[in-house]
Structure formats: C-alpha cells, structure tokens
Amino acid sequence: MESAVIEQLLEKYFEGETTLAQEQQLRVYFSSDLVAEHLKVHQPMFAYFCHEQEQKVALNQTFSPKRKTRKVYLAAASVVVLLGVGYFAVQQFSRPTTAQTAYGTYDDPEAAFKATRKALELLSGHVNVGVNSMQYIETYEETKDKIFITE
C-alpha cells in the first residue's frame, strides 16, 4: 500500500501539484533502502536533488568574503577618481592667465577699432567673392530661359 501512495505522490509531483511536505516525503522515501523495484528508476533523480540542495548551502557560505573584496575595490576606485579630479583641478586653476589666453581684450580703444576694422575687411572680401560667383548663375538662368521656352 505504501508504494501506491508513493506512486500517487509521484504523479502529483510530475504534474507540479505537490506541497513541500509531500516533496519531503518523496525525498525521504527515495533516500531509504526500501524503494520498490519498479520505482528505483526515480531514485537517482531524488538523490541528485538532495545533493544539489546540500551544494547550495555550501555555496551560500562562500559568497560573504567576496562582498568584502568588492567593497575594497569600490573604495580603491573612489580614491583613484578623487585623485584624478584633484589633479585636473590643480592643473586647470594653477595656470596663469596671459595675454595669449585672454582672447578679445584690448586696453586701447584705438587698437580695438583697428582690429575690428581688419576683421570686417577680411569678411567683406570673402563676401564679395561670393557675390561675383552669383553673376554666373544669373547668366546661366538667362541662357536656360532662351533654350527651354516655358509657357
């Protein structure tokens, strides 16, 4: 009669309908030496589950030292980042401001006027070259209108 109960529990187990207590009953049955001959096929599976359950407990105990090393690595990385930011700040703010780095400042208004005039003349020369190029487009338009009569 016990094998009939175990067979019913196995059916429920494979359907996913057993409780934790019923699964524990199956593990205890298959770990004993009194397993029926026709049910010995399932014995290695339950032995594997018991073995893996023991392994999980052992693995959980080995994770705690890794957390300490992770904290040490995070602290070291923070120190490196802070040193890098500090070095950059020292390099950036310790540079003296010279006339070469202070762009666009003139003490003499006459010198500023001359520099502005020179820049505007240079710009005007480039604009005039662009305007002269537009004359060719105007000639092209006139020729196109003569060749292709549009109505």
C-alpha atoms as a PDB file:
ATOM      1  CA  MET A   1       0.000   0.000   0.000  1.00  0.00           C
ATOM      2  CA  GLU A   2       2.905   2.347   0.624  1.00  0.00           C
ATOM      3  CA  SER A   3       4.046   2.059  -2.997  1.00  0.00           C
ATOM      4  CA  ALA A   4       0.556   3.055  -4.154  1.00  0.00           C
ATOM      5  CA  VAL A   5       0.746   6.230  -2.042  1.00  0.00           C
ATOM      6  CA  ILE A   6       4.239   6.976  -3.387  1.00  0.00           C
ATOM      7  CA  GLU A   7       3.038   6.424  -6.948  1.00  0.00           C
ATOM      8  CA  GLN A   8       0.203   8.904  -6.388  1.00  0.00           C
ATOM      9  CA  LEU A   9       2.663  11.398  -4.907  1.00  0.00           C
ATOM     10  CA  LEU A  10       4.984  10.910  -7.900  1.00  0.00           C
ATOM     11  CA  GLU A  11       2.101  11.615 -10.267  1.00  0.00           C
ATOM     12  CA  LYS A  12       1.256  14.779  -8.382  1.00  0.00           C
ATOM     13  CA  TYR A  13       4.969  15.697  -8.272  1.00  0.00           C
ATOM     14  CA  PHE A  14       5.370  15.451 -12.043  1.00  0.00           C
ATOM     15  CA  GLU A  15       2.186  17.496 -12.505  1.00  0.00           C
ATOM     16  CA  GLY A  16       3.538  20.167 -10.131  1.00  0.00           C
ATOM     17  CA  GLU A  17       0.729  19.785  -7.605  1.00  0.00           C
ATOM     18  CA  THR A  18       2.621  18.584  -4.513  1.00  0.00           C
ATOM     19  CA  THR A  19       3.233  20.532  -1.334  1.00  0.00           C
ATOM     20  CA  LEU A  20       6.633  20.946   0.280  1.00  0.00           C
ATOM     21  CA  ALA A  21       5.754  18.311   2.880  1.00  0.00           C
ATOM     22  CA  GLN A  22       4.805  15.804   0.166  1.00  0.00           C
ATOM     23  CA  GLU A  23       8.052  16.501  -1.706  1.00  0.00           C
ATOM     24  CA  GLN A  24       9.986  15.980   1.521  1.00  0.00           C
ATOM     25  CA  GLN A  25       8.160  12.662   1.965  1.00  0.00           C
ATOM     26  CA  LEU A  26       9.263  11.616  -1.534  1.00  0.00           C
ATOM     27  CA  ARG A  27      12.880  12.603  -0.818  1.00  0.00           C
ATOM     28  CA  VAL A  28      12.883  10.601   2.401  1.00  0.00           C
ATOM     29  CA  TYR A  29      11.351   7.578   0.667  1.00  0.00           C
ATOM     30  CA  PHE A  30      13.821   7.579  -2.223  1.00  0.00           C
ATOM     31  CA  SER A  31      16.811   8.128   0.047  1.00  0.00           C
ATOM     32  CA  SER A  32      15.959   4.976   2.025  1.00  0.00           C
ATOM     33  CA  ASP A  33      16.859   1.410   1.018  1.00  0.00           C
ATOM     34  CA  LEU A  34      13.225   0.270   0.951  1.00  0.00           C
ATOM     35  CA  VAL A  35      12.396   1.591  -2.545  1.00  0.00           C
ATOM     36  CA  ALA A  36      10.186  -0.693  -4.638  1.00  0.00           C
ATOM     37  CA  GLU A  37      11.825  -2.235  -7.707  1.00  0.00           C
ATOM     38  CA  HIS A  38       9.617  -0.509 -10.259  1.00  0.00           C
ATOM     39  CA  LEU A  39      10.240   2.909  -8.581  1.00  0.00           C
ATOM     40  CA  LYS A  40      14.050   2.625  -8.452  1.00  0.00           C
ATOM     41  CA  VAL A  41      14.146   4.453 -11.787  1.00  0.00           C
ATOM     42  CA  HIS A  42      13.344   7.714  -9.960  1.00  0.00           C
ATOM     43  CA  GLN A  43      15.827   7.182  -7.115  1.00  0.00           C
ATOM     44  CA  PRO A  44      18.863   8.835  -8.878  1.00  0.00           C
ATOM     45  CA  MET A  45      16.791  11.937  -9.634  1.00  0.00           C
ATOM     46  CA  PHE A  46      15.870  12.486  -5.991  1.00  0.00           C
ATOM     47  CA  ALA A  47      19.417  11.668  -4.895  1.00  0.00           C
ATOM     48  CA  TYR A  48      20.627  14.399  -7.283  1.00  0.00           C
ATOM     49  CA  PHE A  49      18.143  16.902  -5.839  1.00  0.00           C
ATOM     50  CA  CYS A  50      19.328  16.160  -2.287  1.00  0.00           C
ATOM     51  CA  HIS A  51      22.961  16.501  -3.371  1.00  0.00           C
ATOM     52  CA  GLU A  52      22.292  19.852  -5.094  1.00  0.00           C
ATOM     53  CA  GLN A  53      20.411  21.159  -2.075  1.00  0.00           C
ATOM     54  CA  GLU A  54      23.491  20.475   0.056  1.00  0.00           C
ATOM     55  CA  GLN A  55      25.693  22.183  -2.527  1.00  0.00           C
ATOM     56  CA  LYS A  56      23.571  25.352  -2.461  1.00  0.00           C
ATOM     57  CA  VAL A  57      24.029  25.642   1.273  1.00  0.00           C
ATOM     58  CA  ALA A  58      27.786  25.290   0.878  1.00  0.00           C
ATOM     59  CA  LEU A  59      27.885  27.867  -1.938  1.00  0.00           C
ATOM     60  CA  ASN A  60      25.952  30.464   0.055  1.00  0.00           C
ATOM     61  CA  GLN A  61      28.584  30.363   2.767  1.00  0.00           C
ATOM     62  CA  THR A  62      31.434  31.167   0.355  1.00  0.00           C
ATOM     63  CA  PHE A  63      29.898  34.385  -1.012  1.00  0.00           C
ATOM     64  CA  SER A  64      30.432  36.530   2.074  1.00  0.00           C
ATOM     65  CA  PRO A  65      34.239  37.079   1.648  1.00  0.00           C
ATOM     66  CA  LYS A  66      33.684  38.275  -1.927  1.00  0.00           C
ATOM     67  CA  ARG A  67      31.490  41.105  -0.676  1.00  0.00           C
ATOM     68  CA  LYS A  68      34.375  42.411   1.416  1.00  0.00           C
ATOM     69  CA  THR A  69      36.741  42.419  -1.562  1.00  0.00           C
ATOM     70  CA  ARG A  70      34.085  44.170  -3.642  1.00  0.00           C
ATOM     71  CA  LYS A  71      33.896  46.946  -1.057  1.00  0.00           C
ATOM     72  CA  VAL A  72      37.683  47.253  -1.110  1.00  0.00           C
ATOM     73  CA  TYR A  73      37.675  47.573  -4.918  1.00  0.00           C
ATOM     74  CA  LEU A  74      34.933  50.204  -4.779  1.00  0.00           C
ATOM     75  CA  ALA A  75      36.865  52.193  -2.189  1.00  0.00           C
ATOM     76  CA  ALA A  76      40.046  51.984  -4.279  1.00  0.00           C
ATOM     77  CA  ALA A  77      38.190  53.112  -7.397  1.00  0.00           C
ATOM     78  CA  SER A  78      36.729  56.072  -5.480  1.00  0.00           C
ATOM     79  CA  VAL A  79      40.182  57.118  -4.334  1.00  0.00           C
ATOM     80  CA  VAL A  80      41.516  56.935  -7.894  1.00  0.00           C
ATOM     81  CA  VAL A  81      38.633  59.059  -9.197  1.00  0.00           C
ATOM     82  CA  LEU A  82      39.143  61.659  -6.468  1.00  0.00           C
ATOM     83  CA  LEU A  83      42.875  61.833  -7.189  1.00  0.00           C
ATOM     84  CA  GLY A  84      42.165  62.301 -10.900  1.00  0.00           C
ATOM     85  CA  VAL A  85      39.675  65.103 -10.255  1.00  0.00           C
ATOM     86  CA  GLY A  86      42.106  66.765  -7.851  1.00  0.00           C
ATOM     87  CA  TYR A  87      44.965  66.584 -10.342  1.00  0.00           C
ATOM     88  CA  PHE A  88      42.780  68.066 -13.088  1.00  0.00           C
ATOM     89  CA  ALA A  89      41.641  70.897 -10.804  1.00  0.00           C
ATOM     90  CA  VAL A  90      45.197  71.753  -9.794  1.00  0.00           C
ATOM     91  CA  GLN A  91      46.340  71.778 -13.418  1.00  0.00           C
ATOM     92  CA  GLN A  92      43.367  73.848 -14.545  1.00  0.00           C
ATOM     93  CA  PHE A  93      43.417  76.516 -11.857  1.00  0.00           C
ATOM     94  CA  SER A  94      47.163  76.905 -11.371  1.00  0.00           C
ATOM     95  CA  ARG A  95      47.745  78.166 -14.937  1.00  0.00           C
ATOM     96  CA  PRO A  96      48.335  81.907 -15.028  1.00  0.00           C
ATOM     97  CA  THR A  97      46.169  83.951 -17.360  1.00  0.00           C
ATOM     98  CA  THR A  98      48.340  85.528 -20.035  1.00  0.00           C
ATOM     99  CA  ALA A  99      47.591  87.794 -22.974  1.00  0.00           C
ATOM    100  CA  GLN A 100      47.514  84.737 -25.243  1.00  0.00           C
ATOM    101  CA  THR A 101      44.745  83.046 -23.271  1.00  0.00           C
ATOM    102  CA  ALA A 102      42.711  86.207 -22.643  1.00  0.00           C
ATOM    103  CA  TYR A 103      41.078  86.462 -26.061  1.00  0.00           C
ATOM    104  CA  GLY A 104      39.381  89.631 -27.231  1.00  0.00           C
ATOM    105  CA  THR A 105      40.650  92.075 -24.621  1.00  0.00           C
ATOM    106  CA  TYR A 106      42.216  95.390 -25.596  1.00  0.00           C
ATOM    107  CA  ASP A 107      43.314  98.164 -23.299  1.00  0.00           C
ATOM    108  CA  ASP A 108      43.451 100.778 -26.064  1.00  0.00           C
ATOM    109  CA  PRO A 109      40.148 101.577 -27.834  1.00  0.00           C
ATOM    110  CA  GLU A 110      42.027 102.651 -30.978  1.00  0.00           C
ATOM    111  CA  ALA A 111      43.741  99.225 -31.208  1.00  0.00           C
ATOM    112  CA  ALA A 112      40.393  97.502 -30.726  1.00  0.00           C
ATOM    113  CA  PHE A 113      38.859  99.602 -33.530  1.00  0.00           C
ATOM    114  CA  LYS A 114      41.743  98.743 -35.901  1.00  0.00           C
ATOM    115  CA  ALA A 115      41.464  95.002 -35.135  1.00  0.00           C
ATOM    116  CA  THR A 116      37.701  95.067 -35.701  1.00  0.00           C
ATOM    117  CA  ARG A 117      38.101  97.003 -38.959  1.00  0.00           C
ATOM    118  CA  LYS A 118      40.695  94.480 -40.199  1.00  0.00           C
ATOM    119  CA  ALA A 119      38.381  91.538 -39.373  1.00  0.00           C
ATOM    120  CA  LEU A 120      35.418  93.167 -41.138  1.00  0.00           C
ATOM    121  CA  GLU A 121      37.507  93.941 -44.254  1.00  0.00           C
ATOM    122  CA  LEU A 122      38.582  90.303 -44.398  1.00  0.00           C
ATOM    123  CA  LEU A 123      34.960  89.198 -44.118  1.00  0.00           C
ATOM    124  CA  SER A 124      33.864  91.716 -46.748  1.00  0.00           C
ATOM    125  CA  GLY A 125      36.461  90.388 -49.194  1.00  0.00           C
ATOM    126  CA  HIS A 126      35.103  86.857 -48.863  1.00  0.00           C
ATOM    127  CA  VAL A 127      31.523  88.037 -49.257  1.00  0.00           C
ATOM    128  CA  ASN A 128      32.435  89.967 -52.428  1.00  0.00           C
ATOM    129  CA  VAL A 129      33.956  86.808 -53.937  1.00  0.00           C
ATOM    130  CA  GLY A 130      30.663  85.016 -53.259  1.00  0.00           C
ATOM    131  CA  VAL A 131      28.662  87.851 -54.885  1.00  0.00           C
ATOM    132  CA  ASN A 132      30.832  87.725 -58.007  1.00  0.00           C
ATOM    133  CA  SER A 133      30.149  83.987 -58.276  1.00  0.00           C
ATOM    134  CA  MET A 134      26.436  84.695 -58.298  1.00  0.00           C
ATOM    135  CA  GLN A 135      26.745  86.594 -61.605  1.00  0.00           C
ATOM    136  CA  TYR A 136      27.497  83.289 -63.347  1.00  0.00           C
ATOM    137  CA  ILE A 137      24.264  81.848 -62.014  1.00  0.00           C
ATOM    138  CA  GLU A 138      22.363  84.821 -63.365  1.00  0.00           C
ATOM    139  CA  THR A 139      23.903  84.257 -66.825  1.00  0.00           C
ATOM    140  CA  TYR A 140      23.003  80.581 -66.630  1.00  0.00           C
ATOM    141  CA  GLU A 141      19.384  81.411 -65.841  1.00  0.00           C
ATOM    142  CA  GLU A 142      19.127  83.746 -68.844  1.00  0.00           C
ATOM    143  CA  THR A 143      20.640  81.134 -71.190  1.00  0.00           C
ATOM    144  CA  LYS A 144      18.382  78.424 -69.855  1.00  0.00           C
ATOM    145  CA  ASP A 145      15.308  80.582 -70.462  1.00  0.00           C
ATOM    146  CA  LYS A 146      16.392  81.106 -74.089  1.00  0.00           C
ATOM    147  CA  ILE A 147      16.937  77.392 -74.727  1.00  0.00           C
ATOM    148  CA  PHE A 148      13.973  75.979 -72.839  1.00  0.00           C
ATOM    149  CA  ILE A 149      10.960  78.037 -73.639  1.00  0.00           C
ATOM    150  CA  THR A 150       8.438  77.690 -70.880  1.00  0.00           C
ATOM    151  CA  GLU A 151       4.861  78.737 -71.384  1.00  0.00           C
END
